[in-house]
Amino acid sequence: MHRASEEQVVAALAGLPGWERHDETIEKTFKHPDFAQAMEFVNALAVMAEDAHHHPDIDIRYNRVTIRLTTHDAGGLTQADLDLALGIEGLAA
C-alpha cells in the first residue's frame, strides 16, 4: 500500500470535520452521552475495521473515544486511513 500524497490528505481532511493531523496520523475524539454508548460506537467501529482489514488505534476514556489512524506498514497515511475516517464519520452521525 502506498502513502497518500499531501494533496490527498489535505483534500480528505477538508471533508472530515474535527479530524486533526499529527505528523503521520490523523485523529479525532468522539464524545458520547455515556460509557455504554461509547462502547456501542467502538463495537460498530470494530466491525467496520475488520471488514476493511484496517485497524485504528482506539483510546476509550469513559464517554470519550479517540481514534488514531495511520498505516504502519506504509510508514504514514494511506487511502485506507482516509476511507476509514470517512466511514467512522458515518457511524457517528
C-alpha atoms as a PDB file:
ATOM      1  CA  MET A   1       0.000   0.000   0.000  1.00  0.00           C
ATOM      2  CA  HIS A   2       1.308   3.440  -0.950  1.00  0.00           C
ATOM      3  CA  ARG A   3       1.271   6.524   1.205  1.00  0.00           C
ATOM      4  CA  ALA A   4      -1.292   9.175   0.342  1.00  0.00           C
ATOM      5  CA  SER A   5       0.001  12.342  -1.232  1.00  0.00           C
ATOM      6  CA  GLU A   6      -0.075  15.599   0.689  1.00  0.00           C
ATOM      7  CA  GLU A   7      -2.823  16.791  -1.659  1.00  0.00           C
ATOM      8  CA  GLN A   8      -4.939  13.693  -0.951  1.00  0.00           C
ATOM      9  CA  VAL A   9      -4.583  14.127   2.810  1.00  0.00           C
ATOM     10  CA  VAL A  10      -5.407  17.831   2.738  1.00  0.00           C
ATOM     11  CA  ALA A  11      -8.434  17.264   0.485  1.00  0.00           C
ATOM     12  CA  ALA A  12      -9.740  14.420   2.656  1.00  0.00           C
ATOM     13  CA  LEU A  13      -9.312  16.366   5.900  1.00  0.00           C
ATOM     14  CA  ALA A  14     -11.307  19.238   4.411  1.00  0.00           C
ATOM     15  CA  GLY A  15     -14.287  16.876   4.352  1.00  0.00           C
ATOM     16  CA  LEU A  16     -13.652  15.333   7.776  1.00  0.00           C
ATOM     17  CA  PRO A  17     -14.692  17.867  10.426  1.00  0.00           C
ATOM     18  CA  GLY A  18     -12.836  17.598  13.704  1.00  0.00           C
ATOM     19  CA  TRP A  19     -10.103  15.288  12.432  1.00  0.00           C
ATOM     20  CA  GLU A  20      -6.607  16.591  13.126  1.00  0.00           C
ATOM     21  CA  ARG A  21      -3.318  15.635  11.598  1.00  0.00           C
ATOM     22  CA  HIS A  22      -0.359  14.819  13.834  1.00  0.00           C
ATOM     23  CA  ASP A  23       2.650  14.040  11.660  1.00  0.00           C
ATOM     24  CA  GLU A  24       1.764  10.704  10.031  1.00  0.00           C
ATOM     25  CA  THR A  25      -1.531  10.107  11.839  1.00  0.00           C
ATOM     26  CA  ILE A  26      -4.997  11.598  11.855  1.00  0.00           C
ATOM     27  CA  GLU A  27      -7.154  11.531  14.948  1.00  0.00           C
ATOM     28  CA  LYS A  28     -10.461  12.600  16.367  1.00  0.00           C
ATOM     29  CA  THR A  29     -12.162  12.313  19.748  1.00  0.00           C
ATOM     30  CA  PHE A  30     -15.836  11.419  19.761  1.00  0.00           C
ATOM     31  CA  LYS A  31     -17.892  12.248  22.869  1.00  0.00           C
ATOM     32  CA  HIS A  32     -20.910  10.095  23.710  1.00  0.00           C
ATOM     33  CA  PRO A  33     -23.649  10.535  26.328  1.00  0.00           C
ATOM     34  CA  ASP A  34     -22.299   7.687  28.481  1.00  0.00           C
ATOM     35  CA  PHE A  35     -19.915   4.742  28.624  1.00  0.00           C
ATOM     36  CA  ALA A  36     -22.406   2.247  27.199  1.00  0.00           C
ATOM     37  CA  GLN A  37     -22.999   4.340  24.088  1.00  0.00           C
ATOM     38  CA  ALA A  38     -19.267   4.892  23.679  1.00  0.00           C
ATOM     39  CA  MET A  39     -18.805   1.119  23.722  1.00  0.00           C
ATOM     40  CA  GLU A  40     -21.603   0.628  21.172  1.00  0.00           C
ATOM     41  CA  PHE A  41     -19.741   3.046  18.894  1.00  0.00           C
ATOM     42  CA  VAL A  42     -16.462   1.164  19.417  1.00  0.00           C
ATOM     43  CA  ASN A  43     -18.110  -2.190  18.709  1.00  0.00           C
ATOM     44  CA  ALA A  44     -19.630  -0.884  15.461  1.00  0.00           C
ATOM     45  CA  LEU A  45     -16.246   0.581  14.562  1.00  0.00           C
ATOM     46  CA  ALA A  46     -14.576  -2.780  15.229  1.00  0.00           C
ATOM     47  CA  VAL A  47     -16.871  -4.486  12.720  1.00  0.00           C
ATOM     48  CA  MET A  48     -16.173  -1.791  10.130  1.00  0.00           C
ATOM     49  CA  ALA A  49     -12.417  -2.038  10.698  1.00  0.00           C
ATOM     50  CA  GLU A  50     -12.453  -5.825  10.389  1.00  0.00           C
ATOM     51  CA  ASP A  51     -14.413  -5.596   7.128  1.00  0.00           C
ATOM     52  CA  ALA A  52     -11.862  -3.068   5.809  1.00  0.00           C
ATOM     53  CA  HIS A  53      -8.883  -5.108   7.096  1.00  0.00           C
ATOM     54  CA  HIS A  54      -7.602  -1.868   8.571  1.00  0.00           C
ATOM     55  CA  HIS A  55      -7.419  -1.340  12.317  1.00  0.00           C
ATOM     56  CA  PRO A  56      -7.254   2.005  14.148  1.00  0.00           C
ATOM     57  CA  ASP A  57      -5.718   2.775  17.500  1.00  0.00           C
ATOM     58  CA  ILE A  58      -8.600   3.304  19.910  1.00  0.00           C
ATOM     59  CA  ASP A  59      -8.404   5.015  23.300  1.00  0.00           C
ATOM     60  CA  ILE A  60     -11.526   4.827  25.478  1.00  0.00           C
ATOM     61  CA  ARG A  61     -11.936   7.197  28.435  1.00  0.00           C
ATOM     62  CA  TYR A  62     -15.444   6.758  29.863  1.00  0.00           C
ATOM     63  CA  ASN A  63     -17.615   8.521  27.258  1.00  0.00           C
ATOM     64  CA  ARG A  64     -14.783   9.760  25.018  1.00  0.00           C
ATOM     65  CA  VAL A  65     -13.335   7.635  22.255  1.00  0.00           C
ATOM     66  CA  THR A  66     -10.198   8.827  20.489  1.00  0.00           C
ATOM     67  CA  ILE A  67      -9.428   7.224  17.142  1.00  0.00           C
ATOM     68  CA  ARG A  68      -5.958   7.422  15.573  1.00  0.00           C
ATOM     69  CA  LEU A  69      -5.345   6.271  12.046  1.00  0.00           C
ATOM     70  CA  THR A  70      -2.123   5.518  10.205  1.00  0.00           C
ATOM     71  CA  THR A  71      -0.829   2.645   8.103  1.00  0.00           C
ATOM     72  CA  HIS A  72       2.173   1.293   9.932  1.00  0.00           C
ATOM     73  CA  ASP A  73       3.317  -0.879   7.006  1.00  0.00           C
ATOM     74  CA  ALA A  74       3.392   2.162   4.705  1.00  0.00           C
ATOM     75  CA  GLY A  75       5.004   4.438   7.274  1.00  0.00           C
ATOM     76  CA  GLY A  76       2.219   7.010   7.187  1.00  0.00           C
ATOM     77  CA  LEU A  77      -1.229   7.870   5.945  1.00  0.00           C
ATOM     78  CA  THR A  78      -2.788   5.925   3.085  1.00  0.00           C
ATOM     79  CA  GLN A  79      -6.104   5.984   1.292  1.00  0.00           C
ATOM     80  CA  ALA A  80      -7.241   3.214   3.674  1.00  0.00           C
ATOM     81  CA  ASP A  81      -6.878   5.633   6.608  1.00  0.00           C
ATOM     82  CA  LEU A  82      -8.804   8.354   4.832  1.00  0.00           C
ATOM     83  CA  ASP A  83     -11.553   5.938   3.787  1.00  0.00           C
ATOM     84  CA  LEU A  84     -11.878   4.522   7.302  1.00  0.00           C
ATOM     85  CA  ALA A  85     -12.103   8.040   8.775  1.00  0.00           C
ATOM     86  CA  LEU A  86     -14.960   8.772   6.393  1.00  0.00           C
ATOM     87  CA  GLY A  87     -16.701   5.553   7.434  1.00  0.00           C
ATOM     88  CA  ILE A  88     -16.230   6.388  11.108  1.00  0.00           C
ATOM     89  CA  GLU A  89     -17.900   9.746  10.495  1.00  0.00           C
ATOM     90  CA  GLY A  90     -20.887   7.822   9.122  1.00  0.00           C
ATOM     91  CA  LEU A  91     -21.089   5.757  12.313  1.00  0.00           C
ATOM     92  CA  ALA A  92     -21.000   8.854  14.488  1.00  0.00           C
ATOM     93  CA  ALA A  93     -23.728  10.662  12.551  1.00  0.00           C
END
